[in-house]
Amino acid sequence: MKEFESTLITGWQPAETAPKDNVIIACFDDCPIPVSATWNEPEQQWVFSLVDADLYQGKRNDTFFKTEYECANALKAWMPMPELA
C-alpha cells in the first residue's frame, strides 16, 4: 500500500498517533481497503471484520463476517470515525 500523507487535505494520520481506546478507520499492509478497527488489548493487535462469501448452490452468495487481526506495526495510517448527528 502506498504511503499516506498526513495532511488536513487527506485526513490520514500517522500510525504511531492512533488511539487504542476507540474505533478508528484504519489502513493496514495486507488489507486492500480502509476498515473500521479497534485495539484488542489482550491480543495486543488491531481487530476488524471483513465481509466474505462462500459458495451456496454454485454461487458466491453465502455471506458472513470474518474477524481479522493485524499486529501493531501493520497499521499504516488512520483517521477518526465520522461523527453521527
Protein backbone atom coordinates (compact mmCIF):
# COMPACT_ATOMS: atom_id res chain seq x y z
CA MET A 1 0.00 0.00 0.00
CA LYS A 2 1.29 3.46 -0.85
CA GLU A 3 2.46 5.77 1.90
CA PHE A 4 -0.26 8.06 3.23
CA GLU A 5 0.22 11.78 3.58
CA SER A 6 -0.68 13.20 6.98
CA THR A 7 -2.36 16.40 5.90
CA LEU A 8 -5.57 18.26 6.51
CA ILE A 9 -6.49 17.54 2.89
CA THR A 10 -6.45 13.74 3.19
CA GLY A 11 -7.33 13.39 6.86
CA TRP A 12 -4.97 10.43 7.30
CA GLN A 13 -2.91 10.48 10.49
CA PRO A 14 0.43 8.76 11.23
CA ALA A 15 0.05 5.22 12.57
CA GLU A 16 2.01 5.98 15.75
CA THR A 17 -0.66 8.52 16.81
CA ALA A 18 -3.61 6.09 16.57
CA PRO A 19 -5.71 5.91 19.75
CA LYS A 20 -6.07 2.48 21.27
CA ASP A 21 -9.23 3.33 23.20
CA ASN A 22 -11.63 3.98 20.32
CA VAL A 23 -12.79 2.68 16.94
CA ILE A 24 -10.84 4.16 14.02
CA ILE A 25 -10.76 3.96 10.24
CA ALA A 26 -7.55 2.08 9.55
CA CYS A 27 -5.31 1.18 6.62
CA PHE A 28 -3.20 -1.95 7.04
CA ASP A 29 -0.41 -3.50 4.95
CA ASP A 30 -2.37 -6.62 3.99
CA CYS A 31 -5.85 -5.13 3.61
CA PRO A 32 -6.80 -3.61 0.24
CA ILE A 33 -9.45 -1.26 1.70
CA PRO A 34 -9.77 1.01 4.75
CA VAL A 35 -11.65 -0.72 7.59
CA SER A 36 -13.09 0.20 10.97
CA ALA A 37 -10.79 -1.27 13.61
CA THR A 38 -10.17 -1.21 17.32
CA TRP A 39 -7.22 -2.23 19.52
CA ASN A 40 -7.56 -5.61 21.26
CA GLU A 41 -5.59 -5.26 24.48
CA PRO A 42 -5.40 -8.98 25.45
CA GLU A 43 -4.12 -9.94 21.98
CA GLN A 44 -2.02 -6.77 21.57
CA GLN A 45 -3.32 -6.50 18.00
CA TRP A 46 -5.76 -4.48 15.92
CA VAL A 47 -9.04 -6.29 15.22
CA PHE A 48 -11.60 -5.71 12.45
CA SER A 49 -14.18 -7.60 10.38
CA LEU A 50 -14.42 -8.16 6.65
CA VAL A 51 -17.36 -9.43 4.64
CA ASP A 52 -16.63 -12.74 2.89
CA ALA A 53 -18.72 -15.22 0.91
CA ASP A 54 -18.76 -18.98 0.41
CA LEU A 55 -20.39 -20.97 -2.36
CA TYR A 56 -24.04 -21.91 -1.92
CA GLN A 57 -25.75 -23.81 -4.75
CA GLY A 58 -22.89 -22.89 -7.09
CA LYS A 59 -22.92 -19.16 -6.36
CA ARG A 60 -20.88 -16.95 -4.00
CA ASN A 61 -23.91 -15.83 -2.02
CA ASP A 62 -23.37 -17.28 1.46
CA THR A 63 -22.09 -14.05 3.05
CA PHE A 64 -20.61 -13.72 6.52
CA PHE A 65 -18.30 -11.53 8.60
CA LYS A 66 -14.75 -12.75 9.18
CA THR A 67 -12.74 -11.41 12.13
CA GLU A 68 -9.20 -10.39 11.23
CA TYR A 69 -6.23 -9.41 13.40
CA GLU A 70 -3.26 -7.25 12.43
CA CYS A 71 -0.14 -6.67 14.52
CA ALA A 72 0.56 -3.19 15.82
CA ASN A 73 3.17 -2.33 13.21
CA ALA A 74 0.87 -3.34 10.28
CA LEU A 75 -1.13 -0.10 10.74
CA LYS A 76 -0.01 2.37 8.08
CA ALA A 77 -2.41 5.27 8.67
CA TRP A 78 -5.66 6.04 10.42
CA MET A 79 -8.42 8.64 10.70
CA PRO A 80 -11.17 9.17 13.26
CA MET A 81 -14.61 7.77 12.67
CA PRO A 82 -17.01 10.46 11.46
CA GLU A 83 -19.41 11.96 13.97
CA LEU A 84 -23.02 10.89 13.54
CA ALA A 85 -25.66 13.53 14.11
